[in-house]
């Protein structure tokens, strides 16, 4: 019987972002320094941020992360899709820590148990633990968090395969239940349209972003079926939106949008990226 290591080793360092700690920190800090944020009114409860390699989406991701730079959070709940196959609808890590080149992040076992118990009781939903996953979309956000939250935090990682509203609604309620116990940042990890010409991608992305700003998670989930928008992490976005609304969110603000063409120059087949904050305004 194999033993699961305490630390989940990074399967993407050196490919999706630099494996050199000093270089990685410098690159992230440079992205953040380039950001000029619009005025943000209200308390940031959640951010939505892309998850392509930092070379492609780092400039847009930096907008979301700069909006919470220097804030104090005890817990970061990072909700992402799972791009591979697994029979479970919702997954978390079986490890105790995530490793990035910038150091190890502790996983909050009590928060995982609290969320898992809530899901089981309220929705008969199992939060499945997995080891040595290859998922990039959750890990890619962690170095940014490590740079903008230098006082440290623990991690609640969730990978949502499901796009079923019943499951995501309960997940959102469970996340809000956890967040009400400690200072928590909600992070939804998602890219937008995939592999359309840039002109088409911009139309699709603007519709999806409009649905996010409306704070209607079911509309976000419906966009792909209606053929008007796409997000690979639509489930993660919907769950985080539902959690934020449960916590009193009443506004959302788009901070930045770009496509891969901004970095590659290829307009024929692009991926869209957006940064959004979800806010509680008085």
C-alpha atoms as a PDB file:
ATOM      1  CA  UNK A   1       0.000   0.000   0.000  1.00  0.00           C
ATOM      2  CA  UNK A   2       1.553   3.292  -1.103  1.00  0.00           C
ATOM      3  CA  UNK A   3       1.755   6.253   1.239  1.00  0.00           C
ATOM      4  CA  UNK A   4       0.583   9.665   0.040  1.00  0.00           C
ATOM      5  CA  UNK A   5       3.257  12.306   0.456  1.00  0.00           C
ATOM      6  CA  UNK A   6       2.448  15.258   2.685  1.00  0.00           C
ATOM      7  CA  UNK A   7       3.406  17.660  -0.096  1.00  0.00           C
ATOM      8  CA  UNK A   8       1.871  17.738  -3.563  1.00  0.00           C
ATOM      9  CA  UNK A   9       4.834  18.376  -5.855  1.00  0.00           C
ATOM     10  CA  UNK A  10       4.282  20.853  -8.659  1.00  0.00           C
ATOM     11  CA  UNK A  11       3.744  19.138 -12.025  1.00  0.00           C
ATOM     12  CA  UNK A  12       3.747  22.464 -13.921  1.00  0.00           C
ATOM     13  CA  UNK A  13       6.661  24.531 -12.581  1.00  0.00           C
ATOM     14  CA  UNK A  14       9.126  25.066 -15.395  1.00  0.00           C
ATOM     15  CA  UNK A  15       6.385  24.717 -18.008  1.00  0.00           C
ATOM     16  CA  UNK A  16       3.436  26.916 -17.053  1.00  0.00           C
ATOM     17  CA  UNK A  17       5.563  29.319 -15.059  1.00  0.00           C
ATOM     18  CA  UNK A  18       9.205  29.631 -14.052  1.00  0.00           C
ATOM     19  CA  UNK A  19      10.656  27.005 -11.749  1.00  0.00           C
ATOM     20  CA  UNK A  20      13.265  29.501 -10.545  1.00  0.00           C
ATOM     21  CA  UNK A  21      11.973  31.160  -7.344  1.00  0.00           C
ATOM     22  CA  UNK A  22      13.713  34.501  -7.857  1.00  0.00           C
ATOM     23  CA  UNK A  23      12.702  34.693 -11.506  1.00  0.00           C
ATOM     24  CA  UNK A  24       9.104  33.714 -10.739  1.00  0.00           C
ATOM     25  CA  UNK A  25       8.802  36.325  -7.987  1.00  0.00           C
ATOM     26  CA  UNK A  26      10.300  38.976 -10.267  1.00  0.00           C
ATOM     27  CA  UNK A  27       7.928  38.135 -13.123  1.00  0.00           C
ATOM     28  CA  UNK A  28       4.821  38.224 -10.914  1.00  0.00           C
ATOM     29  CA  UNK A  29       5.914  41.459  -9.279  1.00  0.00           C
ATOM     30  CA  UNK A  30       6.452  42.987 -12.727  1.00  0.00           C
ATOM     31  CA  UNK A  31       2.931  42.000 -13.815  1.00  0.00           C
ATOM     32  CA  UNK A  32       1.525  43.567 -10.635  1.00  0.00           C
ATOM     33  CA  UNK A  33       3.582  46.739 -11.051  1.00  0.00           C
ATOM     34  CA  UNK A  34       2.147  47.233 -14.546  1.00  0.00           C
ATOM     35  CA  UNK A  35      -1.440  47.259 -13.235  1.00  0.00           C
ATOM     36  CA  UNK A  36      -3.351  50.477 -12.733  1.00  0.00           C
ATOM     37  CA  UNK A  37      -6.590  49.496 -11.079  1.00  0.00           C
ATOM     38  CA  UNK A  38      -9.834  51.377 -11.634  1.00  0.00           C
ATOM     39  CA  UNK A  39     -11.576  52.607  -8.514  1.00  0.00           C
ATOM     40  CA  UNK A  40     -13.070  49.657  -6.663  1.00  0.00           C
ATOM     41  CA  UNK A  41     -15.916  50.467  -4.287  1.00  0.00           C
ATOM     42  CA  UNK A  42     -16.814  47.877  -1.702  1.00  0.00           C
ATOM     43  CA  UNK A  43     -15.335  44.862   0.034  1.00  0.00           C
ATOM     44  CA  UNK A  44     -13.756  42.296  -2.273  1.00  0.00           C
ATOM     45  CA  UNK A  45     -15.313  38.935  -1.413  1.00  0.00           C
ATOM     46  CA  UNK A  46     -14.130  37.020  -4.471  1.00  0.00           C
ATOM     47  CA  UNK A  47     -12.001  37.276  -7.566  1.00  0.00           C
ATOM     48  CA  UNK A  48     -12.303  35.548 -10.919  1.00  0.00           C
ATOM     49  CA  UNK A  49      -8.982  35.128 -12.694  1.00  0.00           C
ATOM     50  CA  UNK A  50      -7.543  33.208 -15.686  1.00  0.00           C
ATOM     51  CA  UNK A  51      -5.335  30.143 -15.507  1.00  0.00           C
ATOM     52  CA  UNK A  52      -3.285  29.903 -18.679  1.00  0.00           C
ATOM     53  CA  UNK A  53       0.483  29.920 -18.420  1.00  0.00           C
ATOM     54  CA  UNK A  54       1.722  33.151 -16.886  1.00  0.00           C
ATOM     55  CA  UNK A  55       3.241  34.155 -20.219  1.00  0.00           C
ATOM     56  CA  UNK A  56      -0.240  34.282 -21.760  1.00  0.00           C
ATOM     57  CA  UNK A  57      -2.616  35.341 -18.992  1.00  0.00           C
ATOM     58  CA  UNK A  58      -0.364  36.759 -16.278  1.00  0.00           C
ATOM     59  CA  UNK A  59      -0.962  40.387 -17.236  1.00  0.00           C
ATOM     60  CA  UNK A  60      -4.731  40.000 -16.918  1.00  0.00           C
ATOM     61  CA  UNK A  61      -4.543  37.803 -13.814  1.00  0.00           C
ATOM     62  CA  UNK A  62      -2.474  40.487 -12.101  1.00  0.00           C
ATOM     63  CA  UNK A  63      -5.495  42.829 -12.083  1.00  0.00           C
ATOM     64  CA  UNK A  64      -7.537  40.469  -9.922  1.00  0.00           C
ATOM     65  CA  UNK A  65      -4.672  39.737  -7.571  1.00  0.00           C
ATOM     66  CA  UNK A  66      -3.636  43.371  -7.192  1.00  0.00           C
ATOM     67  CA  UNK A  67      -7.178  44.144  -6.023  1.00  0.00           C
ATOM     68  CA  UNK A  68      -6.523  42.108  -2.862  1.00  0.00           C
ATOM     69  CA  UNK A  69      -2.809  42.837  -2.426  1.00  0.00           C
ATOM     70  CA  UNK A  70      -1.887  43.427   1.184  1.00  0.00           C
ATOM     71  CA  UNK A  71      -5.269  42.362   2.544  1.00  0.00           C
ATOM     72  CA  UNK A  72      -5.345  39.905   5.414  1.00  0.00           C
ATOM     73  CA  UNK A  73      -6.989  36.531   4.799  1.00  0.00           C
ATOM     74  CA  UNK A  74      -6.690  33.414   6.921  1.00  0.00           C
ATOM     75  CA  UNK A  75      -7.987  31.166   4.142  1.00  0.00           C
ATOM     76  CA  UNK A  76      -7.946  31.217   0.342  1.00  0.00           C
ATOM     77  CA  UNK A  77     -10.590  28.970  -1.209  1.00  0.00           C
ATOM     78  CA  UNK A  78      -9.421  28.361  -4.769  1.00  0.00           C
ATOM     79  CA  UNK A  79     -12.070  26.752  -6.965  1.00  0.00           C
ATOM     80  CA  UNK A  80     -10.996  25.500 -10.384  1.00  0.00           C
ATOM     81  CA  UNK A  81     -12.143  23.081 -13.061  1.00  0.00           C
ATOM     82  CA  UNK A  82     -10.567  19.668 -13.559  1.00  0.00           C
ATOM     83  CA  UNK A  83      -9.422  19.307 -17.148  1.00  0.00           C
ATOM     84  CA  UNK A  84      -8.840  15.558 -16.864  1.00  0.00           C
ATOM     85  CA  UNK A  85     -11.403  12.851 -16.181  1.00  0.00           C
ATOM     86  CA  UNK A  86     -12.580  11.746 -12.764  1.00  0.00           C
ATOM     87  CA  UNK A  87     -15.964  10.225 -11.859  1.00  0.00           C
ATOM     88  CA  UNK A  88     -16.486  12.547  -8.879  1.00  0.00           C
ATOM     89  CA  UNK A  89     -18.256  15.876  -9.303  1.00  0.00           C
ATOM     90  CA  UNK A  90     -16.122  17.729  -6.731  1.00  0.00           C
ATOM     91  CA  UNK A  91     -12.566  17.003  -5.712  1.00  0.00           C
ATOM     92  CA  UNK A  92      -9.985  18.253  -3.247  1.00  0.00           C
ATOM     93  CA  UNK A  93      -6.409  17.360  -2.414  1.00  0.00           C
ATOM     94  CA  UNK A  94      -5.366  14.359  -0.367  1.00  0.00           C
ATOM     95  CA  UNK A  95      -2.069  16.074   0.466  1.00  0.00           C
ATOM     96  CA  UNK A  96      -1.341  18.370   3.389  1.00  0.00           C
ATOM     97  CA  UNK A  97       0.508  21.053   1.449  1.00  0.00           C
ATOM     98  CA  UNK A  98       0.904  22.384  -2.087  1.00  0.00           C
ATOM     99  CA  UNK A  99       4.441  23.115  -3.294  1.00  0.00           C
ATOM    100  CA  UNK A 100       5.346  25.945  -5.647  1.00  0.00           C
ATOM    101  CA  UNK A 101       8.806  27.369  -6.319  1.00  0.00           C
ATOM    102  CA  UNK A 102       7.916  30.135  -3.837  1.00  0.00           C
ATOM    103  CA  UNK A 103       7.403  27.689  -0.970  1.00  0.00           C
ATOM    104  CA  UNK A 104       4.821  25.356   0.504  1.00  0.00           C
ATOM    105  CA  UNK A 105       1.214  26.293   1.237  1.00  0.00           C
ATOM    106  CA  UNK A 106      -0.639  24.463   4.031  1.00  0.00           C
ATOM    107  CA  UNK A 107      -3.976  22.926   3.131  1.00  0.00           C
ATOM    108  CA  UNK A 108      -6.627  23.573   5.766  1.00  0.00           C
ATOM    109  CA  UNK A 109      -7.843  20.115   6.739  1.00  0.00           C
ATOM    110  CA  UNK A 110     -10.531  21.508   9.039  1.00  0.00           C
ATOM    111  CA  UNK A 111     -11.967  23.679   6.271  1.00  0.00           C
ATOM    112  CA  UNK A 112     -12.016  20.671   3.930  1.00  0.00           C
ATOM    113  CA  UNK A 113     -13.826  18.582   6.539  1.00  0.00           C
ATOM    114  CA  UNK A 114     -16.321  21.360   7.244  1.00  0.00           C
ATOM    115  CA  UNK A 115     -17.047  21.763   3.538  1.00  0.00           C
ATOM    116  CA  UNK A 116     -17.243  18.009   2.977  1.00  0.00           C
ATOM    117  CA  UNK A 117     -19.641  17.534   5.884  1.00  0.00           C
ATOM    118  CA  UNK A 118     -21.858  20.351   4.574  1.00  0.00           C
ATOM    119  CA  UNK A 119     -21.942  18.914   1.057  1.00  0.00           C
ATOM    120  CA  UNK A 120     -22.830  15.460   2.376  1.00  0.00           C
ATOM    121  CA  UNK A 121     -25.554  16.720   4.698  1.00  0.00           C
ATOM    122  CA  UNK A 122     -27.176  19.333   2.449  1.00  0.00           C
ATOM    123  CA  UNK A 123     -26.748  17.744  -0.962  1.00  0.00           C
ATOM    124  CA  UNK A 124     -25.670  14.129  -0.500  1.00  0.00           C
ATOM    125  CA  UNK A 125     -22.550  15.146  -2.434  1.00  0.00           C
ATOM    126  CA  UNK A 126     -19.137  13.606  -1.817  1.00  0.00           C
ATOM    127  CA  UNK A 127     -16.014  15.761  -1.808  1.00  0.00           C
ATOM    128  CA  UNK A 128     -13.488  13.273  -3.190  1.00  0.00           C
ATOM    129  CA  UNK A 129      -9.808  13.492  -2.202  1.00  0.00           C
ATOM    130  CA  UNK A 130      -7.202  12.890  -4.905  1.00  0.00           C
ATOM    131  CA  UNK A 131      -3.423  12.628  -4.762  1.00  0.00           C
ATOM    132  CA  UNK A 132      -0.761  13.656  -7.278  1.00  0.00           C
ATOM    133  CA  UNK A 133      -3.257  15.355  -9.575  1.00  0.00           C
ATOM    134  CA  UNK A 134      -1.893  17.024 -12.709  1.00  0.00           C
ATOM    135  CA  UNK A 135      -4.370  19.913 -12.689  1.00  0.00           C
ATOM    136  CA  UNK A 136      -2.788  23.238 -13.648  1.00  0.00           C
ATOM    137  CA  UNK A 137      -5.776  25.537 -13.218  1.00  0.00           C
ATOM    138  CA  UNK A 138      -5.737  25.507  -9.425  1.00  0.00           C
ATOM    139  CA  UNK A 139      -1.981  25.589  -8.903  1.00  0.00           C
ATOM    140  CA  UNK A 140      -1.375  28.389 -11.413  1.00  0.00           C
ATOM    141  CA  UNK A 141      -3.062  30.870  -9.058  1.00  0.00           C
ATOM    142  CA  UNK A 142      -0.938  30.029  -6.032  1.00  0.00           C
ATOM    143  CA  UNK A 143       2.287  31.929  -6.805  1.00  0.00           C
ATOM    144  CA  UNK A 144       0.264  35.101  -7.343  1.00  0.00           C
ATOM    145  CA  UNK A 145      -1.427  34.573  -3.982  1.00  0.00           C
ATOM    146  CA  UNK A 146       1.938  33.995  -2.342  1.00  0.00           C
ATOM    147  CA  UNK A 147       3.212  37.346  -3.637  1.00  0.00           C
ATOM    148  CA  UNK A 148       0.164  39.477  -2.798  1.00  0.00           C
ATOM    149  CA  UNK A 149      -0.600  37.914   0.616  1.00  0.00           C
ATOM    150  CA  UNK A 150       2.851  37.898   2.230  1.00  0.00           C
ATOM    151  CA  UNK A 151       1.533  37.374   5.761  1.00  0.00           C
ATOM    152  CA  UNK A 152       0.512  33.846   4.813  1.00  0.00           C
ATOM    153  CA  UNK A 153      -2.733  31.912   4.560  1.00  0.00           C
ATOM    154  CA  UNK A 154      -3.998  28.368   4.391  1.00  0.00           C
ATOM    155  CA  UNK A 155      -5.577  26.840   1.308  1.00  0.00           C
ATOM    156  CA  UNK A 156      -8.938  25.244   0.582  1.00  0.00           C
ATOM    157  CA  UNK A 157      -8.547  23.655  -2.866  1.00  0.00           C
ATOM    158  CA  UNK A 158     -11.601  22.443  -4.784  1.00  0.00           C
ATOM    159  CA  UNK A 159     -11.741  21.169  -8.360  1.00  0.00           C
ATOM    160  CA  UNK A 160     -15.275  21.246  -9.760  1.00  0.00           C
ATOM    161  CA  UNK A 161     -15.938  18.887 -12.643  1.00  0.00           C
ATOM    162  CA  UNK A 162     -19.677  19.384 -12.469  1.00  0.00           C
ATOM    163  CA  UNK A 163     -21.607  22.111 -14.294  1.00  0.00           C
ATOM    164  CA  UNK A 164     -24.860  21.026 -12.646  1.00  0.00           C
ATOM    165  CA  UNK A 165     -26.505  23.898 -10.821  1.00  0.00           C
ATOM    166  CA  UNK A 166     -27.824  21.810  -7.929  1.00  0.00           C
ATOM    167  CA  UNK A 167     -24.313  20.650  -7.057  1.00  0.00           C
ATOM    168  CA  UNK A 168     -22.695  24.042  -7.566  1.00  0.00           C
ATOM    169  CA  UNK A 169     -25.368  25.826  -5.547  1.00  0.00           C
ATOM    170  CA  UNK A 170     -24.705  23.544  -2.572  1.00  0.00           C
ATOM    171  CA  UNK A 171     -20.966  24.000  -3.070  1.00  0.00           C
ATOM    172  CA  UNK A 172     -21.464  27.761  -2.994  1.00  0.00           C
ATOM    173  CA  UNK A 173     -23.512  27.534   0.181  1.00  0.00           C
ATOM    174  CA  UNK A 174     -20.837  25.316   1.729  1.00  0.00           C
ATOM    175  CA  UNK A 175     -18.069  27.733   0.791  1.00  0.00           C
ATOM    176  CA  UNK A 176     -20.025  30.607   2.338  1.00  0.00           C
ATOM    177  CA  UNK A 177     -20.528  28.512   5.467  1.00  0.00           C
ATOM    178  CA  UNK A 178     -16.766  28.007   5.752  1.00  0.00           C
ATOM    179  CA  UNK A 179     -16.011  31.636   4.894  1.00  0.00           C
ATOM    180  CA  UNK A 180     -18.315  32.915   7.627  1.00  0.00           C
ATOM    181  CA  UNK A 181     -16.024  31.299  10.216  1.00  0.00           C
ATOM    182  CA  UNK A 182     -12.774  33.016   9.186  1.00  0.00           C
ATOM    183  CA  UNK A 183     -11.455  35.756   6.914  1.00  0.00           C
ATOM    184  CA  UNK A 184     -11.660  34.068   3.516  1.00  0.00           C
ATOM    185  CA  UNK A 185     -10.857  35.003  -0.060  1.00  0.00           C
ATOM    186  CA  UNK A 186     -12.812  33.162  -2.753  1.00  0.00           C
ATOM    187  CA  UNK A 187     -10.947  32.588  -6.028  1.00  0.00           C
ATOM    188  CA  UNK A 188     -12.587  31.212  -9.181  1.00  0.00           C
ATOM    189  CA  UNK A 189     -10.077  30.017 -11.768  1.00  0.00           C
ATOM    190  CA  UNK A 190     -11.243  30.083 -15.383  1.00  0.00           C
ATOM    191  CA  UNK A 191     -10.234  31.052 -18.879  1.00  0.00           C
ATOM    192  CA  UNK A 192     -12.914  32.262 -21.288  1.00  0.00           C
ATOM    193  CA  UNK A 193     -13.469  31.419 -24.974  1.00  0.00           C
ATOM    194  CA  UNK A 194     -11.163  28.824 -26.543  1.00  0.00           C
ATOM    195  CA  UNK A 195      -9.723  28.795 -30.070  1.00  0.00           C
ATOM    196  CA  UNK A 196     -11.997  31.197 -31.918  1.00  0.00           C
ATOM    197  CA  UNK A 197     -10.804  34.071 -34.127  1.00  0.00           C
ATOM    198  CA  UNK A 198     -10.189  37.057 -31.891  1.00  0.00           C
ATOM    199  CA  UNK A 199     -13.200  39.041 -33.135  1.00  0.00           C
ATOM    200  CA  UNK A 200     -15.555  36.155 -32.300  1.00  0.00           C
ATOM    201  CA  UNK A 201     -13.780  35.514 -28.998  1.00  0.00           C
ATOM    202  CA  UNK A 202     -14.288  39.112 -27.914  1.00  0.00           C
ATOM    203  CA  UNK A 203     -18.044  38.867 -28.533  1.00  0.00           C
ATOM    204  CA  UNK A 204     -18.316  35.592 -26.615  1.00  0.00           C
ATOM    205  CA  UNK A 205     -16.178  36.871 -23.764  1.00  0.00           C
ATOM    206  CA  UNK A 206     -18.127  40.086 -23.350  1.00  0.00           C
ATOM    207  CA  UNK A 207     -21.377  38.140 -23.052  1.00  0.00           C
ATOM    208  CA  UNK A 208     -19.916  35.805 -20.457  1.00  0.00           C
ATOM    209  CA  UNK A 209     -18.455  38.701 -18.487  1.00  0.00           C
ATOM    210  CA  UNK A 210     -21.814  40.521 -18.652  1.00  0.00           C
ATOM    211  CA  UNK A 211     -23.480  37.470 -17.100  1.00  0.00           C
ATOM    212  CA  UNK A 212     -20.904  37.418 -14.320  1.00  0.00           C
ATOM    213  CA  UNK A 213     -21.501  41.097 -13.573  1.00  0.00           C
ATOM    214  CA  UNK A 214     -25.235  40.357 -13.353  1.00  0.00           C
ATOM    215  CA  UNK A 215     -24.426  38.009 -10.438  1.00  0.00           C
ATOM    216  CA  UNK A 216     -26.566  35.292 -12.012  1.00  0.00           C
ATOM    217  CA  UNK A 217     -24.604  32.029 -11.770  1.00  0.00           C
ATOM    218  CA  UNK A 218     -27.257  30.044 -13.641  1.00  0.00           C
ATOM    219  CA  UNK A 219     -26.902  32.423 -16.587  1.00  0.00           C
ATOM    220  CA  UNK A 220     -23.143  31.772 -16.605  1.00  0.00           C
ATOM    221  CA  UNK A 221     -23.775  28.034 -16.723  1.00  0.00           C
ATOM    222  CA  UNK A 222     -26.327  28.459 -19.538  1.00  0.00           C
ATOM    223  CA  UNK A 223     -24.063  30.520 -21.795  1.00  0.00           C
ATOM    224  CA  UNK A 224     -22.313  27.593 -23.470  1.00  0.00           C
ATOM    225  CA  UNK A 225     -25.541  25.679 -24.129  1.00  0.00           C
ATOM    226  CA  UNK A 226     -26.993  28.828 -25.662  1.00  0.00           C
ATOM    227  CA  UNK A 227     -23.892  29.258 -27.822  1.00  0.00           C
ATOM    228  CA  UNK A 228     -23.252  32.801 -26.621  1.00  0.00           C
ATOM    229  CA  UNK A 229     -20.322  32.417 -24.241  1.00  0.00           C
ATOM    230  CA  UNK A 230     -17.836  29.932 -22.867  1.00  0.00           C
ATOM    231  CA  UNK A 231     -15.676  29.400 -19.780  1.00  0.00           C
ATOM    232  CA  UNK A 232     -13.866  26.140 -19.033  1.00  0.00           C
ATOM    233  CA  UNK A 233     -14.300  26.963 -15.345  1.00  0.00           C
ATOM    234  CA  UNK A 234     -17.968  27.908 -15.573  1.00  0.00           C
ATOM    235  CA  UNK A 235     -18.709  25.561 -12.688  1.00  0.00           C
ATOM    236  CA  UNK A 236     -16.044  27.182 -10.529  1.00  0.00           C
ATOM    237  CA  UNK A 237     -17.318  30.655 -11.436  1.00  0.00           C
ATOM    238  CA  UNK A 238     -20.934  29.713 -10.658  1.00  0.00           C
ATOM    239  CA  UNK A 239     -20.030  28.206  -7.285  1.00  0.00           C
ATOM    240  CA  UNK A 240     -17.950  31.213  -6.247  1.00  0.00           C
ATOM    241  CA  UNK A 241     -20.676  33.599  -7.411  1.00  0.00           C
ATOM    242  CA  UNK A 242     -23.243  31.659  -5.387  1.00  0.00           C
ATOM    243  CA  UNK A 243     -20.981  31.728  -2.322  1.00  0.00           C
ATOM    244  CA  UNK A 244     -20.314  35.445  -2.644  1.00  0.00           C
ATOM    245  CA  UNK A 245     -24.006  36.267  -3.003  1.00  0.00           C
ATOM    246  CA  UNK A 246     -24.680  34.152   0.082  1.00  0.00           C
ATOM    247  CA  UNK A 247     -22.085  36.308   1.873  1.00  0.00           C
ATOM    248  CA  UNK A 248     -23.796  39.543   0.842  1.00  0.00           C
ATOM    249  CA  UNK A 249     -22.237  40.360  -2.523  1.00  0.00           C
ATOM    250  CA  UNK A 250     -24.303  42.848  -4.500  1.00  0.00           C
ATOM    251  CA  UNK A 251     -21.954  43.993  -7.273  1.00  0.00           C
ATOM    252  CA  UNK A 252     -19.228  42.764  -9.611  1.00  0.00           C
ATOM    253  CA  UNK A 253     -16.682  44.738 -11.608  1.00  0.00           C
ATOM    254  CA  UNK A 254     -14.647  43.774 -14.665  1.00  0.00           C
ATOM    255  CA  UNK A 255     -11.023  44.809 -14.169  1.00  0.00           C
ATOM    256  CA  UNK A 256      -9.383  43.582 -17.367  1.00  0.00           C
ATOM    257  CA  UNK A 257      -9.914  41.474 -20.477  1.00  0.00           C
ATOM    258  CA  UNK A 258      -7.376  40.213 -22.990  1.00  0.00           C
ATOM    259  CA  UNK A 259      -6.726  37.324 -25.335  1.00  0.00           C
ATOM    260  CA  UNK A 260      -3.698  35.214 -26.097  1.00  0.00           C
ATOM    261  CA  UNK A 261      -3.258  37.269 -29.268  1.00  0.00           C
ATOM    262  CA  UNK A 262      -1.986  40.132 -27.132  1.00  0.00           C
ATOM    263  CA  UNK A 263       1.066  37.993 -26.356  1.00  0.00           C
ATOM    264  CA  UNK A 264       1.420  35.830 -29.485  1.00  0.00           C
ATOM    265  CA  UNK A 265       0.092  38.082 -32.240  1.00  0.00           C
ATOM    266  CA  UNK A 266      -1.967  35.181 -33.630  1.00  0.00           C
ATOM    267  CA  UNK A 267      -5.515  36.460 -34.206  1.00  0.00           C
ATOM    268  CA  UNK A 268      -6.823  33.290 -35.835  1.00  0.00           C
ATOM    269  CA  UNK A 269      -7.255  31.066 -32.770  1.00  0.00           C
ATOM    270  CA  UNK A 270      -7.197  32.693 -29.358  1.00  0.00           C
ATOM    271  CA  UNK A 271      -8.042  32.045 -25.721  1.00  0.00           C
ATOM    272  CA  UNK A 272      -9.841  34.744 -23.750  1.00  0.00           C
ATOM    273  CA  UNK A 273      -8.891  35.921 -20.260  1.00  0.00           C
ATOM    274  CA  UNK A 274     -10.810  38.065 -17.792  1.00  0.00           C
ATOM    275  CA  UNK A 275     -10.296  39.431 -14.291  1.00  0.00           C
ATOM    276  CA  UNK A 276     -13.349  40.286 -12.184  1.00  0.00           C
ATOM    277  CA  UNK A 277     -13.949  41.259  -8.568  1.00  0.00           C
ATOM    278  CA  UNK A 278     -17.154  40.404  -6.726  1.00  0.00           C
ATOM    279  CA  UNK A 279     -18.010  43.015  -4.132  1.00  0.00           C
ATOM    280  CA  UNK A 280     -20.108  43.749  -1.099  1.00  0.00           C
ATOM    281  CA  UNK A 281     -21.153  47.388  -1.197  1.00  0.00           C
ATOM    282  CA  UNK A 282     -22.978  49.228   1.582  1.00  0.00           C
END
